Amino acid sequence: MSVHKGISDQLRQKNREISLFIQLDKEREAAITAAVDRCEANEPFTTDRINELASQINELAKQGSIPTRTYVTNAMIEEYVQKRR
């Protein structure tokens, strides 16, 4: 019975990690969209929140089952906006 409990505990922990990853990734995508929108409107923008979330995701990824995310620069956002125009 203790093996079953151990496996259940591991699965519960992995499920929490995956749920947290999904939440953080959605927030990161929203932050990217906001930065792109501001850049397209020629308004000042920052990638601080995007990279904050990427850092949290990358820490979570050290557990082994979550993909990492790339850090984003202002130049990357500007380049993306230029390609869309």
PDB file of N, CA and C in Angstrom:
ATOM      1  N   MET A   1       0.823  -1.195   0.000  1.00  0.00           N
ATOM      2  CA  MET A   1       0.000   0.000   0.000  1.00  0.00           C
ATOM      3  C   MET A   1       0.866   1.257   0.000  1.00  0.00           C
ATOM      4  N   SER A   2       2.041   1.233   0.622  1.00  0.00           N
ATOM      5  CA  SER A   2       2.885   2.427   0.674  1.00  0.00           C
ATOM      6  C   SER A   2       3.452   2.764  -0.703  1.00  0.00           C
ATOM      7  N   VAL A   3       3.657   1.758  -1.544  1.00  0.00           N
ATOM      8  CA  VAL A   3       4.132   2.011  -2.902  1.00  0.00           C
ATOM      9  C   VAL A   3       3.052   2.766  -3.675  1.00  0.00           C
ATOM     10  N   HIS A   4       1.809   2.332  -3.517  1.00  0.00           N
ATOM     11  CA  HIS A   4       0.692   3.003  -4.179  1.00  0.00           C
ATOM     12  C   HIS A   4       0.590   4.460  -3.721  1.00  0.00           C
ATOM     13  N   LYS A   5       0.738   4.691  -2.432  1.00  0.00           N
ATOM     14  CA  LYS A   5       0.676   6.056  -1.893  1.00  0.00           C
ATOM     15  C   LYS A   5       1.831   6.894  -2.431  1.00  0.00           C
ATOM     16  N   GLY A   6       3.004   6.319  -2.517  1.00  0.00           N
ATOM     17  CA  GLY A   6       4.161   7.025  -3.052  1.00  0.00           C
ATOM     18  C   GLY A   6       3.962   7.435  -4.496  1.00  0.00           C
ATOM     19  N   ILE A   7       3.438   6.517  -5.287  1.00  0.00           N
ATOM     20  CA  ILE A   7       3.168   6.811  -6.698  1.00  0.00           C
ATOM     21  C   ILE A   7       2.090   7.890  -6.801  1.00  0.00           C
ATOM     22  N   SER A   8       1.045   7.780  -6.001  1.00  0.00           N
ATOM     23  CA  SER A   8      -0.030   8.783  -6.013  1.00  0.00           C
ATOM     24  C   SER A   8       0.503  10.157  -5.632  1.00  0.00           C
ATOM     25  N   ASP A   9       1.366  10.219  -4.634  1.00  0.00           N
ATOM     26  CA  ASP A   9       1.954  11.491  -4.218  1.00  0.00           C
ATOM     27  C   ASP A   9       2.804  12.097  -5.333  1.00  0.00           C
ATOM     28  N   GLN A  10       3.592  11.261  -6.010  1.00  0.00           N
ATOM     29  CA  GLN A  10       4.414  11.742  -7.122  1.00  0.00           C
ATOM     30  C   GLN A  10       3.552  12.286  -8.258  1.00  0.00           C
ATOM     31  N   LEU A  11       2.491  11.573  -8.581  1.00  0.00           N
ATOM     32  CA  LEU A  11       1.595  12.017  -9.646  1.00  0.00           C
ATOM     33  C   LEU A  11       0.893  13.320  -9.275  1.00  0.00           C
ATOM     34  N   ARG A  12       0.501  13.447  -8.017  1.00  0.00           N
ATOM     35  CA  ARG A  12      -0.132  14.681  -7.551  1.00  0.00           C
ATOM     36  C   ARG A  12       0.826  15.858  -7.683  1.00  0.00           C
ATOM     37  N   GLN A  13       2.088  15.643  -7.312  1.00  0.00           N
ATOM     38  CA  GLN A  13       3.106  16.692  -7.413  1.00  0.00           C
ATOM     39  C   GLN A  13       3.341  17.078  -8.873  1.00  0.00           C
ATOM     40  N   LYS A  14       3.460  16.100  -9.760  1.00  0.00           N
ATOM     41  CA  LYS A  14       3.651  16.382 -11.188  1.00  0.00           C
ATOM     42  C   LYS A  14       2.453  17.140 -11.744  1.00  0.00           C
ATOM     43  N   ASN A  15       1.256  16.766 -11.318  1.00  0.00           N
ATOM     44  CA  ASN A  15       0.048  17.443 -11.774  1.00  0.00           C
ATOM     45  C   ASN A  15       0.066  18.912 -11.326  1.00  0.00           C
ATOM     46  N   ARG A  16       0.508  19.171 -10.094  1.00  0.00           N
ATOM     47  CA  ARG A  16       0.623  20.553  -9.607  1.00  0.00           C
ATOM     48  C   ARG A  16       1.630  21.334 -10.445  1.00  0.00           C
ATOM     49  N   GLU A  17       2.771  20.716 -10.748  1.00  0.00           N
ATOM     50  CA  GLU A  17       3.799  21.371 -11.557  1.00  0.00           C
ATOM     51  C   GLU A  17       3.268  21.705 -12.948  1.00  0.00           C
ATOM     52  N   ILE A  18       2.567  20.775 -13.562  1.00  0.00           N
ATOM     53  CA  ILE A  18       2.031  20.991 -14.902  1.00  0.00           C
ATOM     54  C   ILE A  18       0.964  22.090 -14.876  1.00  0.00           C
ATOM     55  N   SER A  19       0.107  22.073 -13.874  1.00  0.00           N
ATOM     56  CA  SER A  19      -0.918  23.116 -13.752  1.00  0.00           C
ATOM     57  C   SER A  19      -0.288  24.488 -13.572  1.00  0.00           C
ATOM     58  N   LEU A  20       0.747  24.573 -12.739  1.00  0.00           N
ATOM     59  CA  LEU A  20       1.448  25.836 -12.532  1.00  0.00           C
ATOM     60  C   LEU A  20       2.120  26.289 -13.821  1.00  0.00           C
ATOM     61  N   PHE A  21       2.738  25.353 -14.537  1.00  0.00           N
ATOM     62  CA  PHE A  21       3.364  25.677 -15.816  1.00  0.00           C
ATOM     63  C   PHE A  21       2.345  26.267 -16.789  1.00  0.00           C
ATOM     64  N   ILE A  22       1.199  25.642 -16.902  1.00  0.00           N
ATOM     65  CA  ILE A  22       0.158  26.118 -17.827  1.00  0.00           C
ATOM     66  C   ILE A  22      -0.268  27.534 -17.457  1.00  0.00           C
ATOM     67  N   GLN A  23      -0.455  27.786 -16.176  1.00  0.00           N
ATOM     68  CA  GLN A  23      -0.847  29.117 -15.719  1.00  0.00           C
ATOM     69  C   GLN A  23       0.237  30.146 -16.043  1.00  0.00           C
ATOM     70  N   LEU A  24       1.484  29.838 -15.696  1.00  0.00           N
ATOM     71  CA  LEU A  24       2.585  30.764 -15.947  1.00  0.00           C
ATOM     72  C   LEU A  24       2.786  31.004 -17.443  1.00  0.00           C
ATOM     73  N   ASP A  25       2.655  29.960 -18.240  1.00  0.00           N
ATOM     74  CA  ASP A  25       2.840  30.090 -19.676  1.00  0.00           C
ATOM     75  C   ASP A  25       1.751  30.970 -20.293  1.00  0.00           C
ATOM     76  N   LYS A  26       0.518  30.833 -19.824  1.00  0.00           N
ATOM     77  CA  LYS A  26      -0.569  31.697 -20.308  1.00  0.00           C
ATOM     78  C   LYS A  26      -0.280  33.160 -19.960  1.00  0.00           C
ATOM     79  N   GLU A  27       0.187  33.392 -18.740  1.00  0.00           N
ATOM     80  CA  GLU A  27       0.524  34.751 -18.321  1.00  0.00           C
ATOM     81  C   GLU A  27       1.664  35.309 -19.175  1.00  0.00           C
ATOM     82  N   ARG A  28       2.639  34.470 -19.472  1.00  0.00           N
ATOM     83  CA  ARG A  28       3.776  34.896 -20.298  1.00  0.00           C
ATOM     84  C   ARG A  28       3.305  35.269 -21.696  1.00  0.00           C
ATOM     85  N   GLU A  29       2.450  34.457 -22.285  1.00  0.00           N
ATOM     86  CA  GLU A  29       1.916  34.750 -23.620  1.00  0.00           C
ATOM     87  C   GLU A  29       1.131  36.060 -23.613  1.00  0.00           C
ATOM     88  N   ALA A  30       0.359  36.299 -22.562  1.00  0.00           N
ATOM     89  CA  ALA A  30      -0.395  37.554 -22.451  1.00  0.00           C
ATOM     90  C   ALA A  30       0.560  38.745 -22.335  1.00  0.00           C
ATOM     91  N   ALA A  31       1.653  38.575 -21.604  1.00  0.00           N
ATOM     92  CA  ALA A  31       2.648  39.647 -21.463  1.00  0.00           C
ATOM     93  C   ALA A  31       3.338  39.922 -22.799  1.00  0.00           C
ATOM     94  N   ILE A  32       3.593  38.877 -23.564  1.00  0.00           N
ATOM     95  CA  ILE A  32       4.193  39.053 -24.891  1.00  0.00           C
ATOM     96  C   ILE A  32       3.221  39.811 -25.797  1.00  0.00           C
ATOM     97  N   THR A  33       1.971  39.418 -25.785  1.00  0.00           N
ATOM     98  CA  THR A  33       0.960  40.095 -26.595  1.00  0.00           C
ATOM     99  C   THR A  33       0.859  41.567 -26.216  1.00  0.00           C
ATOM    100  N   ALA A  34       0.875  41.865 -24.931  1.00  0.00           N
ATOM    101  CA  ALA A  34       0.797  43.256 -24.476  1.00  0.00           C
ATOM    102  C   ALA A  34       2.009  44.051 -24.959  1.00  0.00           C
ATOM    103  N   ALA A  35       3.193  43.474 -24.876  1.00  0.00           N
ATOM    104  CA  ALA A  35       4.404  44.156 -25.333  1.00  0.00           C
ATOM    105  C   ALA A  35       4.353  44.400 -26.840  1.00  0.00           C
ATOM    106  N   VAL A  36       3.898  43.410 -27.593  1.00  0.00           N
ATOM    107  CA  VAL A  36       3.781  43.557 -29.048  1.00  0.00           C
ATOM    108  C   VAL A  36       2.777  44.662 -29.377  1.00  0.00           C
ATOM    109  N   ASP A  37       1.651  44.658 -28.704  1.00  0.00           N
ATOM    110  CA  ASP A  37       0.631  45.684 -28.948  1.00  0.00           C
ATOM    111  C   ASP A  37       1.173  47.084 -28.671  1.00  0.00           C
ATOM    112  N   ARG A  38       1.892  47.228 -27.558  1.00  0.00           N
ATOM    113  CA  ARG A  38       2.461  48.538 -27.218  1.00  0.00           C
ATOM    114  C   ARG A  38       3.512  48.947 -28.252  1.00  0.00           C
ATOM    115  N   CYS A  39       4.318  48.009 -28.679  1.00  0.00           N
ATOM    116  CA  CYS A  39       5.344  48.302 -29.684  1.00  0.00           C
ATOM    117  C   CYS A  39       4.697  48.725 -31.001  1.00  0.00           C
ATOM    118  N   GLU A  40       3.658  48.015 -31.417  1.00  0.00           N
ATOM    119  CA  GLU A  40       2.955  48.358 -32.654  1.00  0.00           C
ATOM    120  C   GLU A  40       2.346  49.755 -32.587  1.00  0.00           C
ATOM    121  N   ALA A  41       1.946  50.175 -31.381  1.00  0.00           N
ATOM    122  CA  ALA A  41       1.344  51.497 -31.190  1.00  0.00           C
ATOM    123  C   ALA A  41       2.412  52.564 -30.936  1.00  0.00           C
ATOM    124  N   ASN A  42       3.687  52.185 -31.089  1.00  0.00           N
ATOM    125  CA  ASN A  42       4.817  53.087 -30.836  1.00  0.00           C
ATOM    126  C   ASN A  42       4.810  53.643 -29.415  1.00  0.00           C
ATOM    127  N   GLU A  43       4.383  52.823 -28.477  1.00  0.00           N
ATOM    128  CA  GLU A  43       4.385  53.178 -27.064  1.00  0.00           C
ATOM    129  C   GLU A  43       5.553  52.469 -26.392  1.00  0.00           C
ATOM    130  N   PRO A  44       6.052  53.039 -25.307  1.00  0.00           N
ATOM    131  CA  PRO A  44       7.142  52.357 -24.602  1.00  0.00           C
ATOM    132  C   PRO A  44       6.659  51.018 -24.039  1.00  0.00           C
ATOM    133  N   PHE A  45       7.536  50.033 -24.049  1.00  0.00           N
ATOM    134  CA  PHE A  45       7.198  48.708 -23.517  1.00  0.00           C
ATOM    135  C   PHE A  45       8.434  48.117 -22.863  1.00  0.00           C
ATOM    136  N   THR A  46       8.200  47.094 -22.080  1.00  0.00           N
ATOM    137  CA  THR A  46       9.295  46.397 -21.411  1.00  0.00           C
ATOM    138  C   THR A  46       9.055  44.893 -21.487  1.00  0.00           C
ATOM    139  N   THR A  47      10.127  44.148 -21.414  1.00  0.00           N
ATOM    140  CA  THR A  47      10.016  42.686 -21.410  1.00  0.00           C
ATOM    141  C   THR A  47      10.231  42.121 -20.003  1.00  0.00           C
ATOM    142  N   ASP A  48      10.240  42.989 -19.016  1.00  0.00           N
ATOM    143  CA  ASP A  48      10.513  42.553 -17.638  1.00  0.00           C
ATOM    144  C   ASP A  48       9.556  41.460 -17.166  1.00  0.00           C
ATOM    145  N   ARG A  49       8.252  41.666 -17.346  1.00  0.00           N
ATOM    146  CA  ARG A  49       7.266  40.684 -16.880  1.00  0.00           C
ATOM    147  C   ARG A  49       7.408  39.371 -17.657  1.00  0.00           C
ATOM    148  N   ILE A  50       7.658  39.468 -18.941  1.00  0.00           N
ATOM    149  CA  ILE A  50       7.839  38.265 -19.770  1.00  0.00           C
ATOM    150  C   ILE A  50       8.992  37.427 -19.209  1.00  0.00           C
ATOM    151  N   ASN A  51      10.094  38.086 -18.927  1.00  0.00           N
ATOM    152  CA  ASN A  51      11.288  37.375 -18.455  1.00  0.00           C
ATOM    153  C   ASN A  51      11.164  36.917 -17.005  1.00  0.00           C
ATOM    154  N   GLU A  52      10.385  37.651 -16.223  1.00  0.00           N
ATOM    155  CA  GLU A  52      10.087  37.223 -14.855  1.00  0.00           C
ATOM    156  C   GLU A  52       9.365  35.872 -14.887  1.00  0.00           C
ATOM    157  N   LEU A  53       8.367  35.800 -15.754  1.00  0.00           N
ATOM    158  CA  LEU A  53       7.600  34.558 -15.891  1.00  0.00           C
ATOM    159  C   LEU A  53       8.453  33.443 -16.492  1.00  0.00           C
ATOM    160  N   ALA A  54       9.304  33.783 -17.465  1.00  0.00           N
ATOM    161  CA  ALA A  54      10.206  32.786 -18.048  1.00  0.00           C
ATOM    162  C   ALA A  54      11.135  32.222 -16.976  1.00  0.00           C
ATOM    163  N   SER A  55      11.601  33.088 -16.106  1.00  0.00           N
ATOM    164  CA  SER A  55      12.480  32.642 -15.021  1.00  0.00           C
ATOM    165  C   SER A  55      11.760  31.657 -14.097  1.00  0.00           C
ATOM    166  N   GLN A  56      10.515  31.966 -13.761  1.00  0.00           N
ATOM    167  CA  GLN A  56       9.728  31.065 -12.906  1.00  0.00           C
ATOM    168  C   GLN A  56       9.504  29.726 -13.602  1.00  0.00           C
ATOM    169  N   ILE A  57       9.193  29.777 -14.884  1.00  0.00           N
ATOM    170  CA  ILE A  57       8.982  28.544 -15.659  1.00  0.00           C
ATOM    171  C   ILE A  57      10.278  27.737 -15.713  1.00  0.00           C
ATOM    172  N   ASN A  58      11.392  28.402 -15.940  1.00  0.00           N
ATOM    173  CA  ASN A  58      12.671  27.701 -16.043  1.00  0.00           C
ATOM    174  C   ASN A  58      13.088  27.089 -14.717  1.00  0.00           C
ATOM    175  N   GLU A  59      12.747  27.731 -13.615  1.00  0.00           N
ATOM    176  CA  GLU A  59      13.002  27.124 -12.298  1.00  0.00           C
ATOM    177  C   GLU A  59      12.163  25.858 -12.136  1.00  0.00           C
ATOM    178  N   LEU A  60      10.920  25.937 -12.547  1.00  0.00           N
ATOM    179  CA  LEU A  60      10.025  24.784 -12.485  1.00  0.00           C
ATOM    180  C   LEU A  60      10.537  23.659 -13.388  1.00  0.00           C
ATOM    181  N   ALA A  61      11.115  24.029 -14.517  1.00  0.00           N
ATOM    182  CA  ALA A  61      11.629  23.043 -15.479  1.00  0.00           C
ATOM    183  C   ALA A  61      12.785  22.232 -14.912  1.00  0.00           C
ATOM    184  N   LYS A  62      13.463  22.765 -13.929  1.00  0.00           N
ATOM    185  CA  LYS A  62      14.579  22.031 -13.311  1.00  0.00           C
ATOM    186  C   LYS A  62      14.099  20.749 -12.643  1.00  0.00           C
ATOM    187  N   GLN A  63      12.802  20.646 -12.398  1.00  0.00           N
ATOM    188  CA  GLN A  63      12.220  19.438 -11.817  1.00  0.00           C
ATOM    189  C   GLN A  63      12.218  18.298 -12.838  1.00  0.00           C
ATOM    190  N   GLY A  64      12.294  18.659 -14.139  1.00  0.00           N
ATOM    191  CA  GLY A  64      12.465  17.632 -15.152  1.00  0.00           C
ATOM    192  C   GLY A  64      11.333  17.392 -16.115  1.00  0.00           C
ATOM    193  N   SER A  65      10.116  17.815 -15.814  1.00  0.00           N
ATOM    194  CA  SER A  65       9.011  17.455 -16.704  1.00  0.00           C
ATOM    195  C   SER A  65       8.367  18.651 -17.401  1.00  0.00           C
ATOM    196  N   ILE A  66       8.940  19.815 -17.239  1.00  0.00           N
ATOM    197  CA  ILE A  66       8.371  21.043 -17.808  1.00  0.00           C
ATOM    198  C   ILE A  66       9.368  21.619 -18.818  1.00  0.00           C
ATOM    199  N   PRO A  67       8.887  22.076 -19.981  1.00  0.00           N
ATOM    200  CA  PRO A  67       9.811  22.693 -20.951  1.00  0.00           C
ATOM    201  C   PRO A  67      10.253  24.077 -20.479  1.00  0.00           C
ATOM    202  N   THR A  68      11.414  24.481 -20.899  1.00  0.00           N
ATOM    203  CA  THR A  68      11.926  25.813 -20.555  1.00  0.00           C
ATOM    204  C   THR A  68      11.366  26.837 -21.537  1.00  0.00           C
ATOM    205  N   ARG A  69      11.527  28.105 -21.184  1.00  0.00           N
ATOM    206  CA  ARG A  69      11.108  29.202 -22.044  1.00  0.00           C
ATOM    207  C   ARG A  69      12.289  30.148 -22.242  1.00  0.00           C
ATOM    208  N   THR A  70      12.345  30.744 -23.414  1.00  0.00           N
ATOM    209  CA  THR A  70      13.419  31.655 -23.790  1.00  0.00           C
ATOM    210  C   THR A  70      13.161  33.033 -23.199  1.00  0.00           C
ATOM    211  N   TYR A  71      14.243  33.699 -22.820  1.00  0.00           N
ATOM    212  CA  TYR A  71      14.137  35.085 -22.382  1.00  0.00           C
ATOM    213  C   TYR A  71      13.984  35.956 -23.624  1.00  0.00           C
ATOM    214  N   VAL A  72      13.244  37.051 -23.486  1.00  0.00           N
ATOM    215  CA  VAL A  72      12.910  37.912 -24.609  1.00  0.00           C
ATOM    216  C   VAL A  72      13.543  39.283 -24.411  1.00  0.00           C
ATOM    217  N   THR A  73      14.062  39.845 -25.489  1.00  0.00           N
ATOM    218  CA  THR A  73      14.623  41.193 -25.439  1.00  0.00           C
ATOM    219  C   THR A  73      13.680  42.162 -26.157  1.00  0.00           C
ATOM    220  N   ASN A  74      13.873  43.451 -25.894  1.00  0.00           N
ATOM    221  CA  ASN A  74      13.089  44.461 -26.610  1.00  0.00           C
ATOM    222  C   ASN A  74      13.331  44.347 -28.111  1.00  0.00           C
ATOM    223  N   ALA A  75      14.575  44.079 -28.490  1.00  0.00           N
ATOM    224  CA  ALA A  75      14.913  43.951 -29.910  1.00  0.00           C
ATOM    225  C   ALA A  75      14.131  42.806 -30.554  1.00  0.00           C
ATOM    226  N   MET A  76      13.918  41.735 -29.837  1.00  0.00           N
ATOM    227  CA  MET A  76      13.159  40.607 -30.377  1.00  0.00           C
ATOM    228  C   MET A  76      11.707  41.024 -30.650  1.00  0.00           C
ATOM    229  N   ILE A  77      11.130  41.782 -29.728  1.00  0.00           N
ATOM    230  CA  ILE A  77       9.754  42.263 -29.908  1.00  0.00           C
ATOM    231  C   ILE A  77       9.696  43.204 -31.114  1.00  0.00           C
ATOM    232  N   GLU A  78      10.647  44.134 -31.186  1.00  0.00           N
ATOM    233  CA  GLU A  78      10.681  45.091 -32.292  1.00  0.00           C
ATOM    234  C   GLU A  78      10.839  44.376 -33.646  1.00  0.00           C
ATOM    235  N   GLU A  79      11.709  43.383 -33.681  1.00  0.00           N
ATOM    236  CA  GLU A  79      11.919  42.623 -34.910  1.00  0.00           C
ATOM    237  C   GLU A  79      10.637  41.890 -35.323  1.00  0.00           C
ATOM    238  N   TYR A  80       9.963  41.308 -34.364  1.00  0.00           N
ATOM    239  CA  TYR A  80       8.713  40.610 -34.647  1.00  0.00           C
ATOM    240  C   TYR A  80       7.667  41.563 -35.215  1.00  0.00           C
ATOM    241  N   VAL A  81       7.562  42.743 -34.608  1.00  0.00           N
ATOM    242  CA  VAL A  81       6.594  43.734 -35.072  1.00  0.00           C
ATOM    243  C   VAL A  81       6.938  44.192 -36.487  1.00  0.00           C
ATOM    244  N   GLN A  82       8.228  44.398 -36.761  1.00  0.00           N
ATOM    245  CA  GLN A  82       8.653  44.806 -38.111  1.00  0.00           C
ATOM    246  C   GLN A  82       8.276  43.750 -39.156  1.00  0.00           C
ATOM    247  N   LYS A  83       8.444  42.488 -38.831  1.00  0.00           N
ATOM    248  CA  LYS A  83       8.110  41.416 -39.763  1.00  0.00           C
ATOM    249  C   LYS A  83       6.610  41.337 -40.030  1.00  0.00           C
ATOM    250  N   ARG A  84       5.821  41.701 -39.046  1.00  0.00           N
ATOM    251  CA  ARG A  84       4.357  41.663 -39.204  1.00  0.00           C
ATOM    252  C   ARG A  84       3.845  42.797 -40.073  1.00  0.00           C
ATOM    253  N   ARG A  85       4.597  43.877 -40.164  1.00  0.00           N
ATOM    254  CA  ARG A  85       4.121  45.045 -40.919  1.00  0.00           C
ATOM    255  C   ARG A  85       4.283  44.858 -42.398  1.00  0.00           C
TER     256      ARG A  85
END
